[in-house]
C-alpha atoms as a PDB file:
ATOM      1  CA  MET A   1      69.485  92.263  96.672  1.00  0.00           C
ATOM      2  CA  GLU A   2      72.892  92.065  98.475  1.00  0.00           C
ATOM      3  CA  LYS A   3      75.062  95.093  98.401  1.00  0.00           C
ATOM      4  CA  ASP A   4      78.592  94.742  97.082  1.00  0.00           C
ATOM      5  CA  LEU A   5      81.399  94.354  99.553  1.00  0.00           C
ATOM      6  CA  SER A   6      84.241  96.767  99.653  1.00  0.00           C
ATOM      7  CA  LYS A   7      87.827  95.521  99.785  1.00  0.00           C
ATOM      8  CA  GLU A   8      88.023  96.801 103.441  1.00  0.00           C
ATOM      9  CA  SER A   9      84.906  94.890 104.323  1.00  0.00           C
ATOM     10  CA  VAL A  10      86.423  91.721 102.843  1.00  0.00           C
ATOM     11  CA  LYS A  11      89.706  92.242 104.705  1.00  0.00           C
ATOM     12  CA  HIS A  12      87.693  92.642 107.978  1.00  0.00           C
ATOM     13  CA  LEU A  13      85.692  89.536 107.284  1.00  0.00           C
ATOM     14  CA  LEU A  14      88.838  87.491 106.546  1.00  0.00           C
ATOM     15  CA  ASP A  15      90.592  88.865 109.665  1.00  0.00           C
ATOM     16  CA  HIS A  16      87.550  87.765 111.719  1.00  0.00           C
ATOM     17  CA  TRP A  17      87.447  84.280 110.180  1.00  0.00           C
ATOM     18  CA  ILE A  18      91.199  83.817 110.623  1.00  0.00           C
ATOM     19  CA  GLU A  19      91.134  84.826 114.274  1.00  0.00           C
ATOM     20  CA  HIS A  20      88.028  82.682 114.831  1.00  0.00           C
ATOM     21  CA  ASN A  21      89.641  79.573 113.192  1.00  0.00           C
ATOM     22  CA  GLU A  22      92.903  80.045 115.159  1.00  0.00           C
ATOM     23  CA  SER A  23      90.981  80.231 118.413  1.00  0.00           C
ATOM     24  CA  HIS A  24      89.074  76.982 117.519  1.00  0.00           C
ATOM     25  CA  SER A  25      92.298  75.226 116.506  1.00  0.00           C
ATOM     26  CA  THR A  26      93.954  76.066 119.818  1.00  0.00           C
ATOM     27  CA  SER A  27      90.836  75.014 121.647  1.00  0.00           C
ATOM     28  CA  PHE A  28      90.642  71.693 119.797  1.00  0.00           C
ATOM     29  CA  ARG A  29      94.288  70.930 120.684  1.00  0.00           C
ATOM     30  CA  GLU A  30      93.728  71.843 124.376  1.00  0.00           C
ATOM     31  CA  ARG A  31      90.584  69.772 124.628  1.00  0.00           C
ATOM     32  CA  ALA A  32      92.108  66.811 122.767  1.00  0.00           C
ATOM     33  CA  ALA A  33      94.585  66.346 125.605  1.00  0.00           C
ATOM     34  CA  GLN A  34      91.665  66.154 128.093  1.00  0.00           C
ATOM     35  CA  ILE A  35      89.515  63.944 125.814  1.00  0.00           C
ATOM     36  CA  ALA A  36      92.397  61.487 125.344  1.00  0.00           C
ATOM     37  CA  ARG A  37      91.789  60.403 128.945  1.00  0.00           C
ATOM     38  CA  VAL A  38      88.294  59.314 127.853  1.00  0.00           C
ATOM     39  CA  SER A  39      89.091  58.144 124.266  1.00  0.00           C
ATOM     40  CA  GLU A  40      92.437  58.358 122.553  1.00  0.00           C
ATOM     41  CA  LYS A  41      90.755  57.573 119.220  1.00  0.00           C
ATOM     42  CA  ALA A  42      88.352  60.537 119.678  1.00  0.00           C
ATOM     43  CA  ALA A  43      91.285  62.723 120.665  1.00  0.00           C
ATOM     44  CA  LEU A  44      93.181  61.825 117.478  1.00  0.00           C
ATOM     45  CA  ASP A  45      90.088  62.777 115.470  1.00  0.00           C
ATOM     46  CA  ILE A  46      89.941  66.140 117.193  1.00  0.00           C
ATOM     47  CA  ARG A  47      93.667  66.743 116.521  1.00  0.00           C
ATOM     48  CA  GLY A  48      92.839  65.894 112.884  1.00  0.00           C
ATOM     49  CA  ALA A  49      90.104  68.470 112.982  1.00  0.00           C
ATOM     50  CA  ALA A  50      92.533  71.046 114.310  1.00  0.00           C
ATOM     51  CA  GLU A  51      94.938  70.323 111.458  1.00  0.00           C
ATOM     52  CA  LEU A  52      92.094  70.779 108.901  1.00  0.00           C
ATOM     53  CA  MET A  53      91.189  73.986 110.602  1.00  0.00           C
ATOM     54  CA  ASP A  54      94.806  75.090 110.196  1.00  0.00           C
ATOM     55  CA  LYS A  55      94.516  74.331 106.543  1.00  0.00           C
ATOM     56  CA  CYS A  56      91.304  76.400 106.276  1.00  0.00           C
ATOM     57  CA  THR A  57      93.076  79.222 108.015  1.00  0.00           C
ATOM     58  CA  GLU A  58      96.043  78.982 105.514  1.00  0.00           C
ATOM     59  CA  MET A  59      93.551  79.328 102.675  1.00  0.00           C
ATOM     60  CA  LEU A  60      91.940  82.336 104.269  1.00  0.00           C
ATOM     61  CA  LYS A  61      95.288  83.902 104.632  1.00  0.00           C
ATOM     62  CA  LYS A  62      96.083  83.215 100.982  1.00  0.00           C
ATOM     63  CA  ALA A  63      92.741  84.883 100.058  1.00  0.00           C
ATOM     64  CA  MET A  64      93.845  87.949 102.062  1.00  0.00           C
ATOM     65  CA  GLN A  65      97.136  88.072 100.053  1.00  0.00           C
ATOM     66  CA  ASP A  66      95.238  87.687  96.828  1.00  0.00           C
ATOM     67  CA  LEU A  67      92.943  90.760  97.465  1.00  0.00           C
END
């Protein structure tokens, strides 16, 4: 049986996920510039993934506010 999470534990988890997502989003954008030299279409997909990651991060930030 899982133990219940405290509000502080949830905040810590959300902080971790937000930081993790922001790091990935930045990395996706940096790599997309490099990947564009190989395939512009793939680079566009990766930029799209970065945008989706940003939307996920916005939802996590909203969850933080809703605690």
